[in-house]
Amino acid sequence: MAKNIRGNHDGENGENDSYTITGRGVVDRNRLVQEVEQGKHPNHHVVNINGEEYVRSNPDSTESNNVNK
């Protein structure tokens, strides 16, 4: 279970094709989406943007744990 997931902004237009998880390293977007949907990262959810699924952190008052910060 990841508490801190960072988007790598490594897609063609700066979208996240992969994410970095502290202590685990780089994880492909599709794999992480599956893990989030399976409930392995309960502080995160999946959003669909233009037909592509991305991982986002659940909102809270702490900006430092947001995926794209």
PDB file of N, CA and C in Angstrom:
ATOM      1  N   MET A   1       0.852  -1.179   0.000  1.00  0.00           N
ATOM      2  CA  MET A   1       0.000   0.000   0.000  1.00  0.00           C
ATOM      3  C   MET A   1       0.895   1.238   0.000  1.00  0.00           C
ATOM      4  N   ALA A   2       0.709   2.061  -0.998  1.00  0.00           N
ATOM      5  CA  ALA A   2       1.511   3.284  -1.120  1.00  0.00           C
ATOM      6  C   ALA A   2       0.813   4.452  -0.450  1.00  0.00           C
ATOM      7  N   LYS A   3       1.581   5.212   0.313  1.00  0.00           N
ATOM      8  CA  LYS A   3       1.054   6.441   0.893  1.00  0.00           C
ATOM      9  C   LYS A   3       1.405   7.634   0.022  1.00  0.00           C
ATOM     10  N   ASN A   4       2.493   7.514  -0.730  1.00  0.00           N
ATOM     11  CA  ASN A   4       2.967   8.631  -1.534  1.00  0.00           C
ATOM     12  C   ASN A   4       3.260   8.159  -2.954  1.00  0.00           C
ATOM     13  N   ILE A   5       2.436   8.584  -3.905  1.00  0.00           N
ATOM     14  CA  ILE A   5       2.601   8.233  -5.315  1.00  0.00           C
ATOM     15  C   ILE A   5       2.807   9.530  -6.082  1.00  0.00           C
ATOM     16  N   ARG A   6       3.835   9.576  -6.900  1.00  0.00           N
ATOM     17  CA  ARG A   6       4.151  10.767  -7.693  1.00  0.00           C
ATOM     18  C   ARG A   6       3.987  10.476  -9.187  1.00  0.00           C
ATOM     19  N   GLY A   7       3.299  11.358  -9.888  1.00  0.00           N
ATOM     20  CA  GLY A   7       3.200  11.253 -11.341  1.00  0.00           C
ATOM     21  C   GLY A   7       4.510  11.705 -11.973  1.00  0.00           C
ATOM     22  N   ASN A   8       4.951  11.000 -13.010  1.00  0.00           N
ATOM     23  CA  ASN A   8       6.238  11.301 -13.644  1.00  0.00           C
ATOM     24  C   ASN A   8       6.148  12.270 -14.819  1.00  0.00           C
ATOM     25  N   HIS A   9       4.949  12.628 -15.254  1.00  0.00           N
ATOM     26  CA  HIS A   9       4.762  13.571 -16.373  1.00  0.00           C
ATOM     27  C   HIS A   9       5.593  13.153 -17.589  1.00  0.00           C
ATOM     28  N   ASP A  10       5.626  11.847 -17.871  1.00  0.00           N
ATOM     29  CA  ASP A  10       6.498  11.325 -18.919  1.00  0.00           C
ATOM     30  C   ASP A  10       5.765  10.943 -20.201  1.00  0.00           C
ATOM     31  N   GLY A  11       4.508  11.347 -20.323  1.00  0.00           N
ATOM     32  CA  GLY A  11       3.760  11.078 -21.544  1.00  0.00           C
ATOM     33  C   GLY A  11       4.036  12.130 -22.602  1.00  0.00           C
ATOM     34  N   GLU A  12       3.526  11.911 -23.772  1.00  0.00           N
ATOM     35  CA  GLU A  12       3.743  12.793 -24.925  1.00  0.00           C
ATOM     36  C   GLU A  12       3.372  14.243 -24.640  1.00  0.00           C
ATOM     37  N   ASN A  13       2.291  14.443 -23.908  1.00  0.00           N
ATOM     38  CA  ASN A  13       1.836  15.805 -23.593  1.00  0.00           C
ATOM     39  C   ASN A  13       1.986  16.134 -22.109  1.00  0.00           C
ATOM     40  N   GLY A  14       2.888  15.450 -21.439  1.00  0.00           N
ATOM     41  CA  GLY A  14       3.114  15.700 -20.022  1.00  0.00           C
ATOM     42  C   GLY A  14       2.213  14.923 -19.092  1.00  0.00           C
ATOM     43  N   GLU A  15       1.384  14.037 -19.647  1.00  0.00           N
ATOM     44  CA  GLU A  15       0.547  13.211 -18.787  1.00  0.00           C
ATOM     45  C   GLU A  15       1.405  12.136 -18.116  1.00  0.00           C
ATOM     46  N   ASN A  16       0.827  11.449 -17.156  1.00  0.00           N
ATOM     47  CA  ASN A  16       1.569  10.431 -16.405  1.00  0.00           C
ATOM     48  C   ASN A  16       1.417   9.067 -17.073  1.00  0.00           C
ATOM     49  N   ASP A  17       2.466   8.616 -17.752  1.00  0.00           N
ATOM     50  CA  ASP A  17       2.486   7.253 -18.280  1.00  0.00           C
ATOM     51  C   ASP A  17       3.064   6.298 -17.253  1.00  0.00           C
ATOM     52  N   SER A  18       3.710   6.851 -16.232  1.00  0.00           N
ATOM     53  CA  SER A  18       4.216   6.045 -15.122  1.00  0.00           C
ATOM     54  C   SER A  18       4.199   6.901 -13.862  1.00  0.00           C
ATOM     55  N   TYR A  19       4.336   6.227 -12.746  1.00  0.00           N
ATOM     56  CA  TYR A  19       4.317   6.867 -11.434  1.00  0.00           C
ATOM     57  C   TYR A  19       5.483   6.326 -10.621  1.00  0.00           C
ATOM     58  N   THR A  20       5.959   7.110  -9.669  1.00  0.00           N
ATOM     59  CA  THR A  20       7.008   6.650  -8.773  1.00  0.00           C
ATOM     60  C   THR A  20       6.427   6.482  -7.380  1.00  0.00           C
ATOM     61  N   ILE A  21       6.668   5.307  -6.812  1.00  0.00           N
ATOM     62  CA  ILE A  21       6.227   5.005  -5.461  1.00  0.00           C
ATOM     63  C   ILE A  21       7.473   4.887  -4.594  1.00  0.00           C
ATOM     64  N   THR A  22       7.523   5.673  -3.530  1.00  0.00           N
ATOM     65  CA  THR A  22       8.664   5.649  -2.621  1.00  0.00           C
ATOM     66  C   THR A  22       8.903   4.236  -2.110  1.00  0.00           C
ATOM     67  N   GLY A  23      10.135   3.775  -2.221  1.00  0.00           N
ATOM     68  CA  GLY A  23      10.497   2.448  -1.765  1.00  0.00           C
ATOM     69  C   GLY A  23      10.235   1.346  -2.764  1.00  0.00           C
ATOM     70  N   ARG A  24       9.548   1.661  -3.853  1.00  0.00           N
ATOM     71  CA  ARG A  24       9.224   0.659  -4.867  1.00  0.00           C
ATOM     72  C   ARG A  24       9.799   1.023  -6.224  1.00  0.00           C
ATOM     73  N   GLY A  25       9.824   2.303  -6.532  1.00  0.00           N
ATOM     74  CA  GLY A  25      10.348   2.746  -7.817  1.00  0.00           C
ATOM     75  C   GLY A  25       9.250   3.081  -8.803  1.00  0.00           C
ATOM     76  N   VAL A  26       9.572   3.003 -10.088  1.00  0.00           N
ATOM     77  CA  VAL A  26       8.658   3.399 -11.159  1.00  0.00           C
ATOM     78  C   VAL A  26       7.679   2.261 -11.468  1.00  0.00           C
ATOM     79  N   VAL A  27       6.396   2.644 -11.581  1.00  0.00           N
ATOM     80  CA  VAL A  27       5.332   1.693 -11.889  1.00  0.00           C
ATOM     81  C   VAL A  27       4.570   2.203 -13.099  1.00  0.00           C
ATOM     82  N   ASP A  28       4.345   1.348 -14.081  1.00  0.00           N
ATOM     83  CA  ASP A  28       3.586   1.671 -15.284  1.00  0.00           C
ATOM     84  C   ASP A  28       2.159   2.085 -14.916  1.00  0.00           C
ATOM     85  N   ARG A  29       1.619   3.050 -15.653  1.00  0.00           N
ATOM     86  CA  ARG A  29       0.272   3.571 -15.358  1.00  0.00           C
ATOM     87  C   ARG A  29      -0.782   2.474 -15.347  1.00  0.00           C
ATOM     88  N   ASN A  30      -0.794   1.601 -16.352  1.00  0.00           N
ATOM     89  CA  ASN A  30      -1.827   0.563 -16.419  1.00  0.00           C
ATOM     90  C   ASN A  30      -1.765  -0.376 -15.221  1.00  0.00           C
ATOM     91  N   ARG A  31      -0.569  -0.730 -14.794  1.00  0.00           N
ATOM     92  CA  ARG A  31      -0.416  -1.604 -13.629  1.00  0.00           C
ATOM     93  C   ARG A  31      -0.918  -0.906 -12.361  1.00  0.00           C
ATOM     94  N   LEU A  32      -0.571   0.377 -12.207  1.00  0.00           N
ATOM     95  CA  LEU A  32      -0.997   1.101 -11.016  1.00  0.00           C
ATOM     96  C   LEU A  32      -2.510   1.294 -11.004  1.00  0.00           C
ATOM     97  N   VAL A  33      -3.100   1.563 -12.148  1.00  0.00           N
ATOM     98  CA  VAL A  33      -4.562   1.682 -12.240  1.00  0.00           C
ATOM     99  C   VAL A  33      -5.211   0.389 -11.754  1.00  0.00           C
ATOM    100  N   GLN A  34      -4.694  -0.754 -12.195  1.00  0.00           N
ATOM    101  CA  GLN A  34      -5.236  -2.049 -11.757  1.00  0.00           C
ATOM    102  C   GLN A  34      -5.101  -2.212 -10.247  1.00  0.00           C
ATOM    103  N   GLU A  35      -3.943  -1.853  -9.710  1.00  0.00           N
ATOM    104  CA  GLU A  35      -3.720  -1.986  -8.274  1.00  0.00           C
ATOM    105  C   GLU A  35      -4.681  -1.108  -7.476  1.00  0.00           C
ATOM    106  N   VAL A  36      -4.910   0.117  -7.944  1.00  0.00           N
ATOM    107  CA  VAL A  36      -5.841   1.022  -7.257  1.00  0.00           C
ATOM    108  C   VAL A  36      -7.261   0.456  -7.327  1.00  0.00           C
ATOM    109  N   GLU A  37      -7.657  -0.047  -8.485  1.00  0.00           N
ATOM    110  CA  GLU A  37      -8.994  -0.622  -8.636  1.00  0.00           C
ATOM    111  C   GLU A  37      -9.172  -1.862  -7.762  1.00  0.00           C
ATOM    112  N   GLN A  38      -8.084  -2.565  -7.472  1.00  0.00           N
ATOM    113  CA  GLN A  38      -8.133  -3.745  -6.602  1.00  0.00           C
ATOM    114  C   GLN A  38      -8.095  -3.363  -5.120  1.00  0.00           C
ATOM    115  N   GLY A  39      -7.984  -2.069  -4.828  1.00  0.00           N
ATOM    116  CA  GLY A  39      -7.994  -1.603  -3.454  1.00  0.00           C
ATOM    117  C   GLY A  39      -6.642  -1.659  -2.762  1.00  0.00           C
ATOM    118  N   LYS A  40      -5.576  -1.820  -3.525  1.00  0.00           N
ATOM    119  CA  LYS A  40      -4.247  -1.933  -2.931  1.00  0.00           C
ATOM    120  C   LYS A  40      -3.679  -0.596  -2.461  1.00  0.00           C
ATOM    121  N   HIS A  41      -4.253   0.509  -2.926  1.00  0.00           N
ATOM    122  CA  HIS A  41      -3.802   1.846  -2.536  1.00  0.00           C
ATOM    123  C   HIS A  41      -5.047   2.655  -2.144  1.00  0.00           C
ATOM    124  N   PRO A  42      -5.545   2.451  -0.917  1.00  0.00           N
ATOM    125  CA  PRO A  42      -6.846   3.015  -0.522  1.00  0.00           C
ATOM    126  C   PRO A  42      -6.907   4.536  -0.463  1.00  0.00           C
ATOM    127  N   ASN A  43      -5.795   5.225  -0.471  1.00  0.00           N
ATOM    128  CA  ASN A  43      -5.816   6.684  -0.449  1.00  0.00           C
ATOM    129  C   ASN A  43      -5.796   7.282  -1.847  1.00  0.00           C
ATOM    130  N   HIS A  44      -6.065   6.456  -2.855  1.00  0.00           N
ATOM    131  CA  HIS A  44      -6.021   6.897  -4.247  1.00  0.00           C
ATOM    132  C   HIS A  44      -7.233   6.372  -5.002  1.00  0.00           C
ATOM    133  N   HIS A  45      -7.536   7.008  -6.117  1.00  0.00           N
ATOM    134  CA  HIS A  45      -8.651   6.591  -6.952  1.00  0.00           C
ATOM    135  C   HIS A  45      -8.255   6.749  -8.420  1.00  0.00           C
ATOM    136  N   VAL A  46      -9.092   6.236  -9.312  1.00  0.00           N
ATOM    137  CA  VAL A  46      -8.840   6.287 -10.755  1.00  0.00           C
ATOM    138  C   VAL A  46      -9.797   7.284 -11.383  1.00  0.00           C
ATOM    139  N   VAL A  47      -9.261   8.113 -12.284  1.00  0.00           N
ATOM    140  CA  VAL A  47     -10.085   9.031 -13.062  1.00  0.00           C
ATOM    141  C   VAL A  47      -9.917   8.704 -14.535  1.00  0.00           C
ATOM    142  N   ASN A  48     -10.958   8.963 -15.313  1.00  0.00           N
ATOM    143  CA  ASN A  48     -10.912   8.744 -16.754  1.00  0.00           C
ATOM    144  C   ASN A  48     -10.890  10.101 -17.430  1.00  0.00           C
ATOM    145  N   ILE A  49      -9.818  10.364 -18.172  1.00  0.00           N
ATOM    146  CA  ILE A  49      -9.667  11.623 -18.892  1.00  0.00           C
ATOM    147  C   ILE A  49      -9.472  11.311 -20.362  1.00  0.00           C
ATOM    148  N   ASN A  50     -10.434  11.730 -21.176  1.00  0.00           N
ATOM    149  CA  ASN A  50     -10.371  11.489 -22.625  1.00  0.00           C
ATOM    150  C   ASN A  50     -10.129  10.025 -22.956  1.00  0.00           C
ATOM    151  N   GLY A  51     -10.787   9.126 -22.221  1.00  0.00           N
ATOM    152  CA  GLY A  51     -10.687   7.701 -22.491  1.00  0.00           C
ATOM    153  C   GLY A  51      -9.478   7.009 -21.897  1.00  0.00           C
ATOM    154  N   GLU A  52      -8.643   7.735 -21.183  1.00  0.00           N
ATOM    155  CA  GLU A  52      -7.460   7.155 -20.537  1.00  0.00           C
ATOM    156  C   GLU A  52      -7.642   7.210 -19.023  1.00  0.00           C
ATOM    157  N   GLU A  53      -7.236   6.160 -18.332  1.00  0.00           N
ATOM    158  CA  GLU A  53      -7.363   6.117 -16.880  1.00  0.00           C
ATOM    159  C   GLU A  53      -6.051   6.528 -16.218  1.00  0.00           C
ATOM    160  N   TYR A  54      -6.182   7.353 -15.182  1.00  0.00           N
ATOM    161  CA  TYR A  54      -5.037   7.864 -14.429  1.00  0.00           C
ATOM    162  C   TYR A  54      -5.315   7.727 -12.940  1.00  0.00           C
ATOM    163  N   VAL A  55      -4.256   7.664 -12.166  1.00  0.00           N
ATOM    164  CA  VAL A  55      -4.372   7.570 -10.712  1.00  0.00           C
ATOM    165  C   VAL A  55      -4.273   8.964 -10.111  1.00  0.00           C
ATOM    166  N   ARG A  56      -5.120   9.223  -9.140  1.00  0.00           N
ATOM    167  CA  ARG A  56      -5.102  10.486  -8.406  1.00  0.00           C
ATOM    168  C   ARG A  56      -5.207  10.176  -6.918  1.00  0.00           C
ATOM    169  N   SER A  57      -4.643  11.041  -6.103  1.00  0.00           N
ATOM    170  CA  SER A  57      -4.783  10.866  -4.654  1.00  0.00           C
ATOM    171  C   SER A  57      -6.146  11.390  -4.222  1.00  0.00           C
ATOM    172  N   ASN A  58      -6.691  10.791  -3.187  1.00  0.00           N
ATOM    173  CA  ASN A  58      -7.948  11.275  -2.633  1.00  0.00           C
ATOM    174  C   ASN A  58      -7.698  12.641  -2.012  1.00  0.00           C
ATOM    175  N   PRO A  59      -8.618  13.566  -2.170  1.00  0.00           N
ATOM    176  CA  PRO A  59      -8.408  14.916  -1.650  1.00  0.00           C
ATOM    177  C   PRO A  59      -8.319  14.951  -0.133  1.00  0.00           C
ATOM    178  N   ASP A  60      -7.393  15.752   0.340  1.00  0.00           N
ATOM    179  CA  ASP A  60      -7.305  16.073   1.754  1.00  0.00           C
ATOM    180  C   ASP A  60      -6.624  17.435   1.874  1.00  0.00           C
ATOM    181  N   SER A  61      -6.339  17.852   3.064  1.00  0.00           N
ATOM    182  CA  SER A  61      -5.795  19.194   3.256  1.00  0.00           C
ATOM    183  C   SER A  61      -4.275  19.268   3.091  1.00  0.00           C
ATOM    184  N   THR A  62      -3.627  18.143   2.776  1.00  0.00           N
ATOM    185  CA  THR A  62      -2.174  18.119   2.651  1.00  0.00           C
ATOM    186  C   THR A  62      -1.766  18.134   1.189  1.00  0.00           C
ATOM    187  N   GLU A  63      -1.251  19.242   0.714  1.00  0.00           N
ATOM    188  CA  GLU A  63      -0.867  19.362  -0.687  1.00  0.00           C
ATOM    189  C   GLU A  63       0.316  18.466  -1.033  1.00  0.00           C
ATOM    190  N   SER A  64       1.212  18.212  -0.079  1.00  0.00           N
ATOM    191  CA  SER A  64       2.439  17.481  -0.364  1.00  0.00           C
ATOM    192  C   SER A  64       2.215  16.025  -0.777  1.00  0.00           C
ATOM    193  N   ASN A  65       1.031  15.454  -0.512  1.00  0.00           N
ATOM    194  CA  ASN A  65       0.821  14.062  -0.899  1.00  0.00           C
ATOM    195  C   ASN A  65      -0.036  13.925  -2.149  1.00  0.00           C
ATOM    196  N   ASN A  66      -0.252  14.984  -2.890  1.00  0.00           N
ATOM    197  CA  ASN A  66      -0.998  14.923  -4.125  1.00  0.00           C
ATOM    198  C   ASN A  66      -0.115  14.317  -5.229  1.00  0.00           C
ATOM    199  N   VAL A  67      -0.720  13.549  -6.128  1.00  0.00           N
ATOM    200  CA  VAL A  67       0.022  12.841  -7.168  1.00  0.00           C
ATOM    201  C   VAL A  67       0.864  13.773  -8.015  1.00  0.00           C
ATOM    202  N   ASN A  68       0.359  14.926  -8.389  1.00  0.00           N
ATOM    203  CA  ASN A  68       1.085  15.798  -9.311  1.00  0.00           C
ATOM    204  C   ASN A  68       1.778  16.961  -8.645  1.00  0.00           C
ATOM    205  N   LYS A  69       2.124  16.865  -7.399  1.00  0.00           N
ATOM    206  CA  LYS A  69       2.834  17.941  -6.695  1.00  0.00           C
ATOM    207  C   LYS A  69       4.231  17.525  -6.422  1.00  0.00           C
TER     208      LYS A  69
END
